[in-house]
PDB file of N, CA and C in Angstrom:
ATOM      1  N   MET A   1      10.748 -14.277  10.063  1.00  0.00           N
ATOM      2  CA  MET A   1      10.586 -14.899   8.554  1.00  0.00           C
ATOM      3  C   MET A   1       9.528 -13.632   7.803  1.00  0.00           C
ATOM      4  N   ILE A   2       8.498 -13.449   8.442  1.00  0.00           N
ATOM      5  CA  ILE A   2       7.498 -12.790   7.815  1.00  0.00           C
ATOM      6  C   ILE A   2       8.132 -11.330   7.772  1.00  0.00           C
ATOM      7  N   ILE A   3       8.743 -10.638   8.700  1.00  0.00           N
ATOM      8  CA  ILE A   3       9.189  -9.301   8.477  1.00  0.00           C
ATOM      9  C   ILE A   3      10.471  -9.272   7.500  1.00  0.00           C
ATOM     10  N   ALA A   4      11.095 -10.251   7.534  1.00  0.00           N
ATOM     11  CA  ALA A   4      12.214 -10.359   6.601  1.00  0.00           C
ATOM     12  C   ALA A   4      11.905 -10.550   5.129  1.00  0.00           C
ATOM     13  N   SER A   5      10.541 -11.135   4.955  1.00  0.00           N
ATOM     14  CA  SER A   5      10.415 -11.190   3.331  1.00  0.00           C
ATOM     15  C   SER A   5       9.839  -9.901   3.035  1.00  0.00           C
ATOM     16  N   LEU A   6       8.946  -9.015   4.111  1.00  0.00           N
ATOM     17  CA  LEU A   6       8.523  -7.539   3.732  1.00  0.00           C
ATOM     18  C   LEU A   6       9.662  -6.515   3.528  1.00  0.00           C
ATOM     19  N   SER A   7      10.785  -6.808   4.382  1.00  0.00           N
ATOM     20  CA  SER A   7      11.784  -5.684   4.377  1.00  0.00           C
ATOM     21  C   SER A   7      12.721  -5.961   3.103  1.00  0.00           C
ATOM     22  N   SER A   8      12.603  -7.142   2.679  1.00  0.00           N
ATOM     23  CA  SER A   8      13.349  -7.561   1.237  1.00  0.00           C
ATOM     24  C   SER A   8      12.742  -6.759   0.163  1.00  0.00           C
ATOM     25  N   SER A   9      13.241  -5.860  -0.630  1.00  0.00           N
ATOM     26  CA  SER A   9      12.992  -4.842  -1.634  1.00  0.00           C
ATOM     27  C   SER A   9      12.793  -5.542  -2.915  1.00  0.00           C
ATOM     28  N   GLY A  10      12.074  -5.200  -3.939  1.00  0.00           N
ATOM     29  CA  GLY A  10      12.178  -6.048  -4.997  1.00  0.00           C
ATOM     30  C   GLY A  10      11.216  -6.846  -5.203  1.00  0.00           C
ATOM     31  N   THR A  11      10.550  -7.449  -4.264  1.00  0.00           N
ATOM     32  CA  THR A  11       9.802  -8.642  -4.489  1.00  0.00           C
ATOM     33  C   THR A  11       8.336  -8.298  -4.175  1.00  0.00           C
ATOM     34  N   ASN A  12       7.451  -9.041  -4.949  1.00  0.00           N
ATOM     35  CA  ASN A  12       5.916  -8.890  -4.776  1.00  0.00           C
ATOM     36  C   ASN A  12       5.443 -10.177  -4.189  1.00  0.00           C
ATOM     37  N   ALA A  13       4.285  -9.903  -3.393  1.00  0.00           N
ATOM     38  CA  ALA A  13       3.888 -11.116  -2.771  1.00  0.00           C
ATOM     39  C   ALA A  13       2.709 -11.855  -3.728  1.00  0.00           C
ATOM     40  N   THR A  14       3.018 -12.492  -4.578  1.00  0.00           N
ATOM     41  CA  THR A  14       2.050 -13.370  -5.555  1.00  0.00           C
ATOM     42  C   THR A  14       1.549 -14.377  -4.896  1.00  0.00           C
ATOM     43  N   SER A  15       2.144 -15.347  -4.129  1.00  0.00           N
ATOM     44  CA  SER A  15       1.725 -16.514  -3.887  1.00  0.00           C
ATOM     45  C   SER A  15       0.654 -16.311  -2.749  1.00  0.00           C
ATOM     46  N   PRO A  16      -0.193 -17.305  -2.808  1.00  0.00           N
ATOM     47  CA  PRO A  16      -1.158 -17.072  -1.598  1.00  0.00           C
ATOM     48  C   PRO A  16      -0.625 -16.935  -0.369  1.00  0.00           C
ATOM     49  N   VAL A  17       0.346 -18.200  -0.272  1.00  0.00           N
ATOM     50  CA  VAL A  17       1.113 -18.097   1.286  1.00  0.00           C
ATOM     51  C   VAL A  17       1.654 -16.851   1.518  1.00  0.00           C
ATOM     52  N   ASP A  18       2.220 -15.914   0.840  1.00  0.00           N
ATOM     53  CA  ASP A  18       2.871 -14.947   0.986  1.00  0.00           C
ATOM     54  C   ASP A  18       1.910 -13.922   1.463  1.00  0.00           C
ATOM     55  N   GLN A  19       0.688 -13.803   0.537  1.00  0.00           N
ATOM     56  CA  GLN A  19      -0.364 -13.057   1.119  1.00  0.00           C
ATOM     57  C   GLN A  19      -1.086 -13.248   2.311  1.00  0.00           C
ATOM     58  N   ILE A  20      -1.160 -14.573   2.846  1.00  0.00           N
ATOM     59  CA  ILE A  20      -1.541 -14.914   4.182  1.00  0.00           C
ATOM     60  C   ILE A  20      -0.726 -14.505   5.059  1.00  0.00           C
ATOM     61  N   GLN A  21       0.390 -14.540   4.979  1.00  0.00           N
ATOM     62  CA  GLN A  21       1.417 -14.350   5.937  1.00  0.00           C
ATOM     63  C   GLN A  21       1.443 -12.775   6.135  1.00  0.00           C
ATOM     64  N   LEU A  22       1.231 -12.015   5.026  1.00  0.00           N
ATOM     65  CA  LEU A  22       1.119 -10.630   5.094  1.00  0.00           C
ATOM     66  C   LEU A  22      -0.186 -10.049   5.919  1.00  0.00           C
ATOM     67  N   LEU A  23      -1.205 -10.821   5.742  1.00  0.00           N
ATOM     68  CA  LEU A  23      -2.425 -10.684   6.268  1.00  0.00           C
ATOM     69  C   LEU A  23      -2.350 -11.093   7.989  1.00  0.00           C
ATOM     70  N   ILE A  24      -1.922 -11.693   8.077  1.00  0.00           N
ATOM     71  CA  ILE A  24      -1.624 -12.392   9.504  1.00  0.00           C
ATOM     72  C   ILE A  24      -0.898 -11.194  10.306  1.00  0.00           C
ATOM     73  N   LEU A  25       0.269 -10.709   9.613  1.00  0.00           N
ATOM     74  CA  LEU A  25       1.083  -9.765  10.111  1.00  0.00           C
ATOM     75  C   LEU A  25       0.316  -8.507  10.425  1.00  0.00           C
ATOM     76  N   LEU A  26      -0.645  -8.237   9.237  1.00  0.00           N
ATOM     77  CA  LEU A  26      -1.512  -6.747   9.538  1.00  0.00           C
ATOM     78  C   LEU A  26      -2.466  -6.999  10.810  1.00  0.00           C
ATOM     79  N   LEU A  27      -2.910  -8.037  11.005  1.00  0.00           N
ATOM     80  CA  LEU A  27      -3.821  -8.836  12.131  1.00  0.00           C
ATOM     81  C   LEU A  27      -3.081  -8.527  13.392  1.00  0.00           C
ATOM     82  N   ILE A  28      -1.961  -8.976  13.267  1.00  0.00           N
ATOM     83  CA  ILE A  28      -1.096  -8.760  14.647  1.00  0.00           C
ATOM     84  C   ILE A  28      -0.788  -7.136  15.042  1.00  0.00           C
ATOM     85  N   VAL A  29      -0.610  -6.346  13.899  1.00  0.00           N
ATOM     86  CA  VAL A  29      -0.156  -4.994  14.415  1.00  0.00           C
ATOM     87  C   VAL A  29      -1.458  -4.380  14.805  1.00  0.00           C
ATOM     88  N   THR A  30      -2.685  -4.896  14.009  1.00  0.00           N
ATOM     89  CA  THR A  30      -3.798  -4.181  14.601  1.00  0.00           C
ATOM     90  C   THR A  30      -4.303  -4.650  16.054  1.00  0.00           C
ATOM     91  N   LEU A  31      -3.859  -5.955  16.669  1.00  0.00           N
ATOM     92  CA  LEU A  31      -3.909  -6.445  17.823  1.00  0.00           C
ATOM     93  C   LEU A  31      -3.090  -5.516  18.710  1.00  0.00           C
ATOM     94  N   ILE A  32      -2.071  -5.504  18.374  1.00  0.00           N
ATOM     95  CA  ILE A  32      -0.905  -4.528  19.127  1.00  0.00           C
ATOM     96  C   ILE A  32      -1.509  -3.115  19.496  1.00  0.00           C
ATOM     97  N   VAL A  33      -1.941  -2.609  18.372  1.00  0.00           N
ATOM     98  CA  VAL A  33      -2.492  -1.093  18.232  1.00  0.00           C
ATOM     99  C   VAL A  33      -3.751  -1.115  19.265  1.00  0.00           C
ATOM    100  N   ALA A  34      -4.456  -2.179  18.979  1.00  0.00           N
ATOM    101  CA  ALA A  34      -5.885  -2.105  19.909  1.00  0.00           C
ATOM    102  C   ALA A  34      -5.580  -2.398  21.600  1.00  0.00           C
ATOM    103  N   LEU A  35      -4.660  -2.897  21.832  1.00  0.00           N
ATOM    104  CA  LEU A  35      -4.013  -3.161  23.035  1.00  0.00           C
ATOM    105  C   LEU A  35      -3.471  -1.793  23.768  1.00  0.00           C
ATOM    106  N   LEU A  36      -2.684  -1.185  22.797  1.00  0.00           N
ATOM    107  CA  LEU A  36      -1.975  -0.007  23.150  1.00  0.00           C
ATOM    108  C   LEU A  36      -2.949   0.826  23.428  1.00  0.00           C
ATOM    109  N   SER A  37      -3.944   1.133  22.593  1.00  0.00           N
ATOM    110  CA  SER A  37      -4.897   2.275  22.585  1.00  0.00           C
ATOM    111  C   SER A  37      -5.792   2.314  24.112  1.00  0.00           C
ATOM    112  N   ARG A  38      -5.885   0.796  24.526  1.00  0.00           N
ATOM    113  CA  ARG A  38      -6.725   0.533  25.620  1.00  0.00           C
ATOM    114  C   ARG A  38      -5.812   1.181  26.938  1.00  0.00           C
ATOM    115  N   ARG A  39      -4.460   1.199  26.834  1.00  0.00           N
ATOM    116  CA  ARG A  39      -3.612   1.533  27.843  1.00  0.00           C
ATOM    117  C   ARG A  39      -3.453   2.995  27.920  1.00  0.00           C
ATOM    118  N   LEU A  40      -3.623   3.764  26.765  1.00  0.00           N
ATOM    119  CA  LEU A  40      -3.319   5.448  26.539  1.00  0.00           C
ATOM    120  C   LEU A  40      -4.763   5.833  26.536  1.00  0.00           C
ATOM    121  N   ARG A  41      -5.702   5.153  26.592  1.00  0.00           N
ATOM    122  CA  ARG A  41      -7.207   5.302  26.755  1.00  0.00           C
ATOM    123  C   ARG A  41      -7.501   6.574  25.590  1.00  0.00           C
ATOM    124  N   VAL A  42      -7.136   6.082  24.498  1.00  0.00           N
ATOM    125  CA  VAL A  42      -7.578   6.900  23.195  1.00  0.00           C
ATOM    126  C   VAL A  42      -8.277   5.850  22.288  1.00  0.00           C
ATOM    127  N   PRO A  43      -9.335   6.385  21.696  1.00  0.00           N
ATOM    128  CA  PRO A  43      -9.856   5.585  20.449  1.00  0.00           C
ATOM    129  C   PRO A  43      -8.994   4.715  19.653  1.00  0.00           C
ATOM    130  N   TYR A  44      -9.171   3.291  19.546  1.00  0.00           N
ATOM    131  CA  TYR A  44      -8.530   2.580  18.830  1.00  0.00           C
ATOM    132  C   TYR A  44      -8.357   2.896  17.402  1.00  0.00           C
ATOM    133  N   THR A  45      -9.435   3.508  16.883  1.00  0.00           N
ATOM    134  CA  THR A  45      -9.329   3.733  15.190  1.00  0.00           C
ATOM    135  C   THR A  45      -8.471   5.000  15.151  1.00  0.00           C
ATOM    136  N   LEU A  46      -8.437   5.927  15.964  1.00  0.00           N
ATOM    137  CA  LEU A  46      -7.486   7.004  15.746  1.00  0.00           C
ATOM    138  C   LEU A  46      -6.097   6.561  15.857  1.00  0.00           C
ATOM    139  N   LEU A  47      -5.820   5.749  16.776  1.00  0.00           N
ATOM    140  CA  LEU A  47      -4.386   4.950  16.755  1.00  0.00           C
ATOM    141  C   LEU A  47      -4.132   4.231  15.393  1.00  0.00           C
ATOM    142  N   LEU A  48      -5.284   3.436  15.018  1.00  0.00           N
ATOM    143  CA  LEU A  48      -4.990   2.592  13.834  1.00  0.00           C
ATOM    144  C   LEU A  48      -4.697   3.625  12.608  1.00  0.00           C
ATOM    145  N   VAL A  49      -5.366   4.808  12.734  1.00  0.00           N
ATOM    146  CA  VAL A  49      -5.160   5.698  11.433  1.00  0.00           C
ATOM    147  C   VAL A  49      -3.686   6.304  11.507  1.00  0.00           C
ATOM    148  N   ILE A  50      -3.250   6.427  12.691  1.00  0.00           N
ATOM    149  CA  ILE A  50      -1.851   7.233  12.550  1.00  0.00           C
ATOM    150  C   ILE A  50      -0.706   5.973  12.561  1.00  0.00           C
ATOM    151  N   VAL A  51      -1.157   4.872  12.992  1.00  0.00           N
ATOM    152  CA  VAL A  51      -0.058   3.629  12.725  1.00  0.00           C
ATOM    153  C   VAL A  51      -0.075   3.638  11.154  1.00  0.00           C
ATOM    154  N   GLY A  52      -1.297   3.503  10.485  1.00  0.00           N
ATOM    155  CA  GLY A  52      -1.381   3.120   9.394  1.00  0.00           C
ATOM    156  C   GLY A  52      -0.514   4.370   8.233  1.00  0.00           C
ATOM    157  N   PHE A  53      -0.825   5.436   8.616  1.00  0.00           N
ATOM    158  CA  PHE A  53      -0.060   6.653   8.093  1.00  0.00           C
ATOM    159  C   PHE A  53       1.480   6.252   8.131  1.00  0.00           C
ATOM    160  N   VAL A  54       1.807   6.035   9.343  1.00  0.00           N
ATOM    161  CA  VAL A  54       3.424   5.912   9.469  1.00  0.00           C
ATOM    162  C   VAL A  54       3.952   4.876   8.733  1.00  0.00           C
ATOM    163  N   VAL A  55       3.058   3.533   8.689  1.00  0.00           N
ATOM    164  CA  VAL A  55       3.825   2.582   8.084  1.00  0.00           C
ATOM    165  C   VAL A  55       3.589   2.789   6.343  1.00  0.00           C
ATOM    166  N   GLY A  56       2.687   3.480   6.017  1.00  0.00           N
ATOM    167  CA  GLY A  56       2.663   4.066   4.639  1.00  0.00           C
ATOM    168  C   GLY A  56       3.857   4.927   4.327  1.00  0.00           C
ATOM    169  N   LEU A  57       4.452   5.626   5.182  1.00  0.00           N
ATOM    170  CA  LEU A  57       5.461   6.630   4.747  1.00  0.00           C
ATOM    171  C   LEU A  57       6.808   6.030   4.887  1.00  0.00           C
ATOM    172  N   MET A  58       7.013   4.716   5.400  1.00  0.00           N
ATOM    173  CA  MET A  58       8.195   4.069   5.204  1.00  0.00           C
ATOM    174  C   MET A  58       8.722   3.522   4.079  1.00  0.00           C
ATOM    175  N   PRO A  59       9.991   4.449   3.716  1.00  0.00           N
ATOM    176  CA  PRO A  59      10.276   4.210   2.235  1.00  0.00           C
ATOM    177  C   PRO A  59      10.700   2.787   2.156  1.00  0.00           C
ATOM    178  N   PHE A  60      11.300   1.851   3.115  1.00  0.00           N
ATOM    179  CA  PHE A  60      12.143   0.687   2.775  1.00  0.00           C
ATOM    180  C   PHE A  60      10.916  -0.538   2.819  1.00  0.00           C
ATOM    181  N   LEU A  61       9.624  -0.144   2.913  1.00  0.00           N
ATOM    182  CA  LEU A  61       9.005  -1.291   2.646  1.00  0.00           C
ATOM    183  C   LEU A  61       8.159  -1.569   1.532  1.00  0.00           C
ATOM    184  N   PRO A  62       8.066  -2.304   0.765  1.00  0.00           N
ATOM    185  CA  PRO A  62       7.532  -2.618  -0.586  1.00  0.00           C
ATOM    186  C   PRO A  62       6.254  -2.088  -0.520  1.00  0.00           C
ATOM    187  N   HIS A  63       5.591  -1.896  -1.702  1.00  0.00           N
ATOM    188  CA  HIS A  63       4.310  -1.689  -1.696  1.00  0.00           C
ATOM    189  C   HIS A  63       3.572  -3.047  -2.011  1.00  0.00           C
ATOM    190  N   GLU A  64       2.869  -3.395  -0.887  1.00  0.00           N
ATOM    191  CA  GLU A  64       2.220  -4.784  -1.115  1.00  0.00           C
ATOM    192  C   GLU A  64       0.597  -4.372  -1.282  1.00  0.00           C
ATOM    193  N   HIS A  65       0.099  -5.520  -2.081  1.00  0.00           N
ATOM    194  CA  HIS A  65      -1.188  -5.498  -2.417  1.00  0.00           C
ATOM    195  C   HIS A  65      -1.907  -6.919  -2.061  1.00  0.00           C
ATOM    196  N   ILE A  66      -3.059  -6.782  -1.343  1.00  0.00           N
ATOM    197  CA  ILE A  66      -3.532  -8.130  -1.090  1.00  0.00           C
ATOM    198  C   ILE A  66      -4.519  -8.372  -2.267  1.00  0.00           C
ATOM    199  N   ASP A  67      -4.632  -9.783  -2.660  1.00  0.00           N
ATOM    200  CA  ASP A  67      -5.859 -10.026  -3.571  1.00  0.00           C
ATOM    201  C   ASP A  67      -7.126  -9.976  -2.920  1.00  0.00           C
ATOM    202  N   PRO A  68      -7.963  -9.190  -3.576  1.00  0.00           N
ATOM    203  CA  PRO A  68      -9.509  -9.080  -2.907  1.00  0.00           C
ATOM    204  C   PRO A  68     -10.159 -10.636  -3.132  1.00  0.00           C
ATOM    205  N   ASN A  69      -9.558 -11.609  -3.749  1.00  0.00           N
ATOM    206  CA  ASN A  69     -10.226 -12.572  -3.635  1.00  0.00           C
ATOM    207  C   ASN A  69      -9.959 -13.433  -2.294  1.00  0.00           C
ATOM    208  N   LEU A  70      -8.752 -13.001  -1.627  1.00  0.00           N
ATOM    209  CA  LEU A  70      -8.338 -13.623  -0.689  1.00  0.00           C
ATOM    210  C   LEU A  70      -9.224 -13.070   0.640  1.00  0.00           C
ATOM    211  N   VAL A  71      -9.701 -11.979   0.786  1.00  0.00           N
ATOM    212  CA  VAL A  71     -10.265 -11.418   1.552  1.00  0.00           C
ATOM    213  C   VAL A  71     -11.852 -11.694   1.288  1.00  0.00           C
TER     214      VAL A  71
END
């Protein structure tokens, strides 16, 4: 449900529920990267930067913005 809403182009996450779903998805990705960094024995910050760069380059994902008041 969350991934499907992110992959649909042309929609912006304007409602608080959509923003919370995006925040939860980002936290899950962060957790997976942290667990993977333990197995690979590399600093997790390095892996987070690499994953963030790769996700930022994906053309099929819309440009989402989290409301600063939510965080």
